[in-house]
Structures are given as C-alpha cells and as structure tokens.
Amino acid sequence: MYAVFESGGRQYKAIQGQAITVEQLPHEAGEKVELDRVLLIADGDDVQVGQPVVKGAKVKATILGEEQGPKIRIFKMRPRKRYRRRKGHRQTYTRLVIDEIVKG
C-alpha cells in the first residue's frame, strides 16, 4: 500500500515505514504530523484517485530532524566591467518516517 501526497508544492510517494525527505516543515524533531493533501492511495488493485484530494485520507508521520541538501554555487560576472559575485546556498529539508496511511 502506498500514497502520493503533496507537501511544499511537491509530490511524494509514501510507503509505510519508509523514511523520506520533504521540503522544510515548521515542526520540531520527534513531533507527529498529519499530511492531509493526499492525491492518490493504492492498495493492490484498489486505487483511489482524488479530485484533487482523497476525502478523509491522511498520511501520519514522525519528524526525524532537519538536514541540508548539496551546496549550490551562484556566480555572476559582467565581462570587461570588473564585476564578479560568488554566492552559495544549501536548502534545508525535513526528514520524515511514515507511520501510517489512513484511507478516506
């Protein structure tokens, strides 16, 4: 059984017991969260597709903590003008472990 849910404008596939990385959530490590924007639930041949979400369906998860993604380098340059800027960025993600998938 698996579900497809939306968080932070992106879609993720959730399988019970699996750990996944999603966009940063405003919660602390160890907290339990319910993600209610479930777009699809599949249990063998039984598939429920929402329009746009499945009514009453939830993905329950526990937050393991936050982690950072790879460093991205930004470099701007204007030739012949002596203009150069170098910058870096690391996106913060939240690590979740899927506890339960509740059907609608």
Protein backbone atom coordinates (compact mmCIF):
# COMPACT_ATOMS: atom_id res chain seq x y z
CA MET A 1 0.00 0.00 0.00
CA TYR A 2 1.28 3.44 -0.88
CA ALA A 3 0.04 7.01 -1.13
CA VAL A 4 1.02 10.08 -3.11
CA PHE A 5 0.80 13.30 -1.09
CA GLU A 6 1.67 16.94 -1.61
CA SER A 7 3.86 18.99 0.70
CA GLY A 8 5.55 22.29 -0.05
CA GLY A 9 4.24 22.32 -3.62
CA ARG A 10 5.87 18.98 -4.47
CA GLN A 11 4.53 15.45 -4.66
CA TYR A 12 5.99 12.49 -2.76
CA LYS A 13 5.33 8.75 -2.71
CA ALA A 14 4.83 7.40 0.83
CA ILE A 15 5.18 3.76 1.84
CA GLN A 16 4.55 2.76 5.46
CA GLY A 17 7.82 2.51 7.42
CA GLN A 18 9.83 4.38 4.80
CA ALA A 19 11.94 7.48 5.59
CA ILE A 20 11.66 10.33 3.09
CA THR A 21 12.98 13.87 2.72
CA VAL A 22 10.47 16.68 2.11
CA GLU A 23 10.60 20.47 1.95
CA GLN A 24 11.19 22.11 5.32
CA LEU A 25 8.25 21.89 7.76
CA PRO A 26 7.76 24.25 10.74
CA HIS A 27 7.87 21.48 13.39
CA GLU A 28 10.44 20.11 15.83
CA ALA A 29 12.15 16.72 15.74
CA GLY A 30 10.09 13.97 17.36
CA GLU A 31 6.73 15.61 16.63
CA LYS A 32 3.96 13.71 14.87
CA VAL A 33 2.42 15.36 11.81
CA GLU A 34 -0.61 14.58 9.67
CA LEU A 35 -0.35 15.36 5.97
CA ASP A 36 -3.87 15.66 4.59
CA ARG A 37 -3.19 16.64 0.96
CA VAL A 38 -3.32 13.02 -0.25
CA LEU A 39 -3.71 12.82 -4.03
CA LEU A 40 -3.76 9.04 -4.52
CA ILE A 41 -3.98 5.87 -2.43
CA ALA A 42 -3.18 2.47 -3.96
CA ASP A 43 -3.75 -0.82 -2.13
CA GLY A 44 -3.15 -3.63 -4.61
CA ASP A 45 -5.85 -3.35 -7.28
CA ASP A 46 -7.88 -0.85 -5.23
CA VAL A 47 -6.80 2.65 -6.33
CA GLN A 48 -8.43 5.86 -5.06
CA VAL A 49 -7.64 9.00 -7.03
CA GLY A 50 -8.65 12.36 -5.60
CA GLN A 51 -10.10 15.30 -7.46
CA PRO A 52 -7.83 16.97 -6.38
CA VAL A 53 -7.51 15.21 -2.97
CA VAL A 54 -8.92 11.98 -1.49
CA LYS A 55 -11.58 12.88 1.09
CA GLY A 56 -10.62 11.95 4.66
CA ALA A 57 -7.28 10.40 3.70
CA LYS A 58 -4.18 11.23 5.74
CA VAL A 59 -0.53 10.28 5.94
CA LYS A 60 0.70 10.18 9.53
CA ALA A 61 4.43 10.68 10.01
CA THR A 62 7.06 11.41 12.66
CA ILE A 63 9.75 14.04 12.13
CA LEU A 64 13.27 12.69 12.49
CA GLY A 65 15.02 16.05 12.07
CA GLU A 66 16.33 18.55 9.57
CA GLU A 67 19.13 18.15 7.08
CA GLN A 68 20.69 20.24 4.36
CA GLY A 69 20.94 19.43 0.69
CA PRO A 70 24.01 19.84 -1.53
CA LYS A 71 25.68 23.21 -1.89
CA ILE A 72 24.74 25.17 -4.99
CA ARG A 73 27.12 27.83 -6.24
CA ILE A 74 25.89 31.01 -7.90
CA PHE A 75 28.36 33.06 -9.93
CA LYS A 76 27.60 36.35 -11.68
CA MET A 77 30.05 38.13 -13.93
CA ARG A 78 29.99 41.07 -16.33
CA PRO A 79 32.89 40.87 -18.75
CA ARG A 80 35.14 43.94 -19.04
CA LYS A 81 33.37 45.68 -16.11
CA ARG A 82 35.28 44.09 -13.19
CA TYR A 83 32.01 42.84 -11.71
CA ARG A 84 32.07 39.39 -10.09
CA ARG A 85 29.84 37.95 -7.37
CA ARG A 86 30.08 34.47 -5.91
CA LYS A 87 27.43 33.08 -3.62
CA GLY A 88 26.44 29.70 -2.21
CA HIS A 89 23.18 28.17 -0.98
CA ARG A 90 22.15 24.99 0.85
CA GLN A 91 18.45 24.19 1.06
CA THR A 92 17.07 22.84 4.36
CA TYR A 93 14.89 19.72 4.22
CA THR A 94 12.87 17.81 6.83
CA ARG A 95 13.35 14.05 7.25
CA LEU A 96 10.12 12.08 7.93
CA VAL A 97 9.36 8.45 8.68
CA ILE A 98 5.89 7.32 7.53
CA ASP A 99 3.94 5.73 10.39
CA GLU A 100 0.53 5.10 8.87
CA ILE A 101 -1.57 5.72 5.78
CA VAL A 102 -5.26 6.31 6.58
CA LYS A 103 -7.77 5.68 3.78
CA GLY A 104 -10.59 8.14 3.15
